[in-house]
Amino acid sequence: MRVKIAIPVKDNEGLESVISDVFSRAKYFFIGELEKERLVESSIIENEYTSLEYGAGPLVIKMLKDKGVKVVATREIGMGASSLLKSYGIKRIQASEGTTVKELIKLIQREL
């Protein structure tokens, strides 16, 4: 079974990218697909909603849902965004500051 994951990141450094301090205004999102114990596909996409004054959260979450994301690892997230993730059936995993994508993939695999 494959599971698509998303992680908001500060930079475009692949598996070495560091998690962003923010969710909906993160500069990039790492999108990956896990199958059993391994990463089978991945990309980093630029967040086109970072400059919006209002409403970035729902747009980002809808974009992730449309991409088939089922798990999000993030540090901080507002109550509205958290509720929207839940309503779309997207699981949220709490992440720590400074964690890399590589480390977060291991954490997500333990949580699934």
C-alpha atoms as a PDB file:
ATOM      1  CA  MET A   1       0.000   0.000   0.000  1.00  0.00           C
ATOM      2  CA  ARG A   2       1.322   3.429  -0.943  1.00  0.00           C
ATOM      3  CA  VAL A   3       0.864   6.507   1.231  1.00  0.00           C
ATOM      4  CA  LYS A   4       1.457  10.028  -0.033  1.00  0.00           C
ATOM      5  CA  ILE A   5       3.042  12.412   2.509  1.00  0.00           C
ATOM      6  CA  ALA A   6       3.690  16.160   2.632  1.00  0.00           C
ATOM      7  CA  ILE A   7       6.173  18.148   4.701  1.00  0.00           C
ATOM      8  CA  PRO A   8       6.450  21.964   4.642  1.00  0.00           C
ATOM      9  CA  VAL A   9      10.145  22.791   4.188  1.00  0.00           C
ATOM     10  CA  LYS A  10      12.381  25.878   4.255  1.00  0.00           C
ATOM     11  CA  ASP A  11      14.530  24.969   1.259  1.00  0.00           C
ATOM     12  CA  ASN A  12      14.764  22.800  -1.831  1.00  0.00           C
ATOM     13  CA  GLU A  13      17.414  20.331  -0.644  1.00  0.00           C
ATOM     14  CA  GLY A  14      15.574  17.043  -1.150  1.00  0.00           C
ATOM     15  CA  LEU A  15      15.883  14.641   1.790  1.00  0.00           C
ATOM     16  CA  GLU A  16      18.155  17.120   3.580  1.00  0.00           C
ATOM     17  CA  SER A  17      15.507  19.883   3.501  1.00  0.00           C
ATOM     18  CA  VAL A  18      14.641  21.196   6.969  1.00  0.00           C
ATOM     19  CA  ILE A  19      11.045  21.444   8.152  1.00  0.00           C
ATOM     20  CA  SER A  20       9.537  24.918   8.011  1.00  0.00           C
ATOM     21  CA  ASP A  21       8.512  26.781  11.158  1.00  0.00           C
ATOM     22  CA  VAL A  22       5.192  27.557   9.455  1.00  0.00           C
ATOM     23  CA  PHE A  23       2.726  25.394   7.560  1.00  0.00           C
ATOM     24  CA  SER A  24       0.611  27.240   4.999  1.00  0.00           C
ATOM     25  CA  ARG A  25       3.247  29.889   4.317  1.00  0.00           C
ATOM     26  CA  ALA A  26       6.173  27.489   3.956  1.00  0.00           C
ATOM     27  CA  LYS A  27       8.247  28.301   0.891  1.00  0.00           C
ATOM     28  CA  TYR A  28       8.196  24.688  -0.340  1.00  0.00           C
ATOM     29  CA  PHE A  29       6.470  21.354   0.281  1.00  0.00           C
ATOM     30  CA  PHE A  30       8.213  18.011   0.074  1.00  0.00           C
ATOM     31  CA  ILE A  31       5.768  15.516  -1.429  1.00  0.00           C
ATOM     32  CA  GLY A  32       6.695  11.860  -1.169  1.00  0.00           C
ATOM     33  CA  GLU A  33       5.150   8.476  -1.642  1.00  0.00           C
ATOM     34  CA  LEU A  34       5.963   5.702   0.808  1.00  0.00           C
ATOM     35  CA  GLU A  35       5.487   2.048  -0.002  1.00  0.00           C
ATOM     36  CA  LYS A  36       6.022  -0.289   2.938  1.00  0.00           C
ATOM     37  CA  GLU A  37       9.384   0.783   4.368  1.00  0.00           C
ATOM     38  CA  ARG A  38      10.755   2.852   1.505  1.00  0.00           C
ATOM     39  CA  LEU A  39      10.334   6.128  -0.328  1.00  0.00           C
ATOM     40  CA  VAL A  40       9.394   5.316  -3.925  1.00  0.00           C
ATOM     41  CA  GLU A  41       8.727   8.770  -5.327  1.00  0.00           C
ATOM     42  CA  SER A  42       9.394  12.355  -4.237  1.00  0.00           C
ATOM     43  CA  SER A  43       9.434  15.968  -5.359  1.00  0.00           C
ATOM     44  CA  ILE A  44       9.597  19.429  -3.884  1.00  0.00           C
ATOM     45  CA  ILE A  45       7.026  21.942  -5.029  1.00  0.00           C
ATOM     46  CA  GLU A  46       7.014  25.679  -4.529  1.00  0.00           C
ATOM     47  CA  ASN A  47       4.117  26.994  -2.455  1.00  0.00           C
ATOM     48  CA  GLU A  48       2.221  29.430  -4.666  1.00  0.00           C
ATOM     49  CA  TYR A  49       0.127  30.710  -1.724  1.00  0.00           C
ATOM     50  CA  THR A  50       2.873  32.191   0.481  1.00  0.00           C
ATOM     51  CA  SER A  51       2.179  35.784  -0.531  1.00  0.00           C
ATOM     52  CA  LEU A  52      -1.575  35.752   0.119  1.00  0.00           C
ATOM     53  CA  GLU A  53      -2.655  38.092   2.890  1.00  0.00           C
ATOM     54  CA  TYR A  54      -5.504  35.782   3.962  1.00  0.00           C
ATOM     55  CA  GLY A  55      -6.716  32.263   3.266  1.00  0.00           C
ATOM     56  CA  ALA A  56      -3.450  30.481   2.500  1.00  0.00           C
ATOM     57  CA  GLY A  57      -4.210  27.584   4.875  1.00  0.00           C
ATOM     58  CA  PRO A  58      -7.369  26.263   3.187  1.00  0.00           C
ATOM     59  CA  LEU A  59      -5.807  26.656  -0.274  1.00  0.00           C
ATOM     60  CA  VAL A  60      -2.659  24.772   0.706  1.00  0.00           C
ATOM     61  CA  ILE A  61      -4.671  21.988   2.321  1.00  0.00           C
ATOM     62  CA  LYS A  62      -6.919  21.655  -0.737  1.00  0.00           C
ATOM     63  CA  MET A  63      -3.821  21.524  -2.970  1.00  0.00           C
ATOM     64  CA  LEU A  64      -2.367  18.726  -0.817  1.00  0.00           C
ATOM     65  CA  LYS A  65      -5.691  16.859  -0.812  1.00  0.00           C
ATOM     66  CA  ASP A  66      -5.896  17.164  -4.617  1.00  0.00           C
ATOM     67  CA  LYS A  67      -2.394  15.658  -4.833  1.00  0.00           C
ATOM     68  CA  GLY A  68      -3.598  12.651  -2.833  1.00  0.00           C
ATOM     69  CA  VAL A  69      -1.698  13.434   0.389  1.00  0.00           C
ATOM     70  CA  LYS A  70      -2.814  11.289   3.351  1.00  0.00           C
ATOM     71  CA  VAL A  71      -0.217  12.321   5.979  1.00  0.00           C
ATOM     72  CA  VAL A  72       1.262  15.725   6.840  1.00  0.00           C
ATOM     73  CA  ALA A  73       4.205  16.212   9.186  1.00  0.00           C
ATOM     74  CA  THR A  74       4.344  19.774  10.505  1.00  0.00           C
ATOM     75  CA  ARG A  75       5.490  21.839  13.465  1.00  0.00           C
ATOM     76  CA  GLU A  76       2.840  24.498  13.955  1.00  0.00           C
ATOM     77  CA  ILE A  77      -0.660  24.589  12.541  1.00  0.00           C
ATOM     78  CA  GLY A  78      -3.727  26.644  13.389  1.00  0.00           C
ATOM     79  CA  MET A  79      -6.963  25.188  14.699  1.00  0.00           C
ATOM     80  CA  GLY A  80      -8.840  25.890  11.462  1.00  0.00           C
ATOM     81  CA  ALA A  81      -6.190  24.215   9.325  1.00  0.00           C
ATOM     82  CA  SER A  82      -6.039  21.288  11.729  1.00  0.00           C
ATOM     83  CA  SER A  83      -9.816  20.825  11.498  1.00  0.00           C
ATOM     84  CA  LEU A  84      -9.713  21.046   7.699  1.00  0.00           C
ATOM     85  CA  LEU A  85      -6.978  18.391   7.511  1.00  0.00           C
ATOM     86  CA  LYS A  86      -9.099  16.121   9.673  1.00  0.00           C
ATOM     87  CA  SER A  87     -12.214  16.726   7.558  1.00  0.00           C
ATOM     88  CA  TYR A  88     -10.264  15.693   4.442  1.00  0.00           C
ATOM     89  CA  GLY A  89      -8.996  12.546   6.177  1.00  0.00           C
ATOM     90  CA  ILE A  90      -5.387  13.750   6.269  1.00  0.00           C
ATOM     91  CA  LYS A  91      -3.441  12.601   9.319  1.00  0.00           C
ATOM     92  CA  ARG A  92      -1.179  15.140  11.051  1.00  0.00           C
ATOM     93  CA  ILE A  93       2.077  14.115  12.693  1.00  0.00           C
ATOM     94  CA  GLN A  94       3.784  16.531  15.083  1.00  0.00           C
ATOM     95  CA  ALA A  95       7.366  17.371  14.107  1.00  0.00           C
ATOM     96  CA  SER A  96      10.195  19.125  15.937  1.00  0.00           C
ATOM     97  CA  GLU A  97      12.145  22.222  14.933  1.00  0.00           C
ATOM     98  CA  GLY A  98      15.177  21.595  12.740  1.00  0.00           C
ATOM     99  CA  THR A  99      14.126  18.092  11.654  1.00  0.00           C
ATOM    100  CA  THR A 100      15.095  17.032   8.135  1.00  0.00           C
ATOM    101  CA  VAL A 101      12.840  15.300   5.634  1.00  0.00           C
ATOM    102  CA  LYS A 102      14.953  12.138   5.960  1.00  0.00           C
ATOM    103  CA  GLU A 103      14.368  12.070   9.747  1.00  0.00           C
ATOM    104  CA  LEU A 104      10.670  12.834   9.335  1.00  0.00           C
ATOM    105  CA  ILE A 105      10.175   9.979   6.891  1.00  0.00           C
ATOM    106  CA  LYS A 106      11.449   7.590   9.582  1.00  0.00           C
ATOM    107  CA  LEU A 107       9.057   9.165  12.102  1.00  0.00           C
ATOM    108  CA  ILE A 108       6.116   8.877   9.691  1.00  0.00           C
ATOM    109  CA  GLN A 109       6.933   5.221   8.981  1.00  0.00           C
ATOM    110  CA  ARG A 110       6.807   4.488  12.738  1.00  0.00           C
ATOM    111  CA  GLU A 111       3.456   6.303  13.048  1.00  0.00           C
ATOM    112  CA  LEU A 112       1.745   4.475  10.155  1.00  0.00           C
END
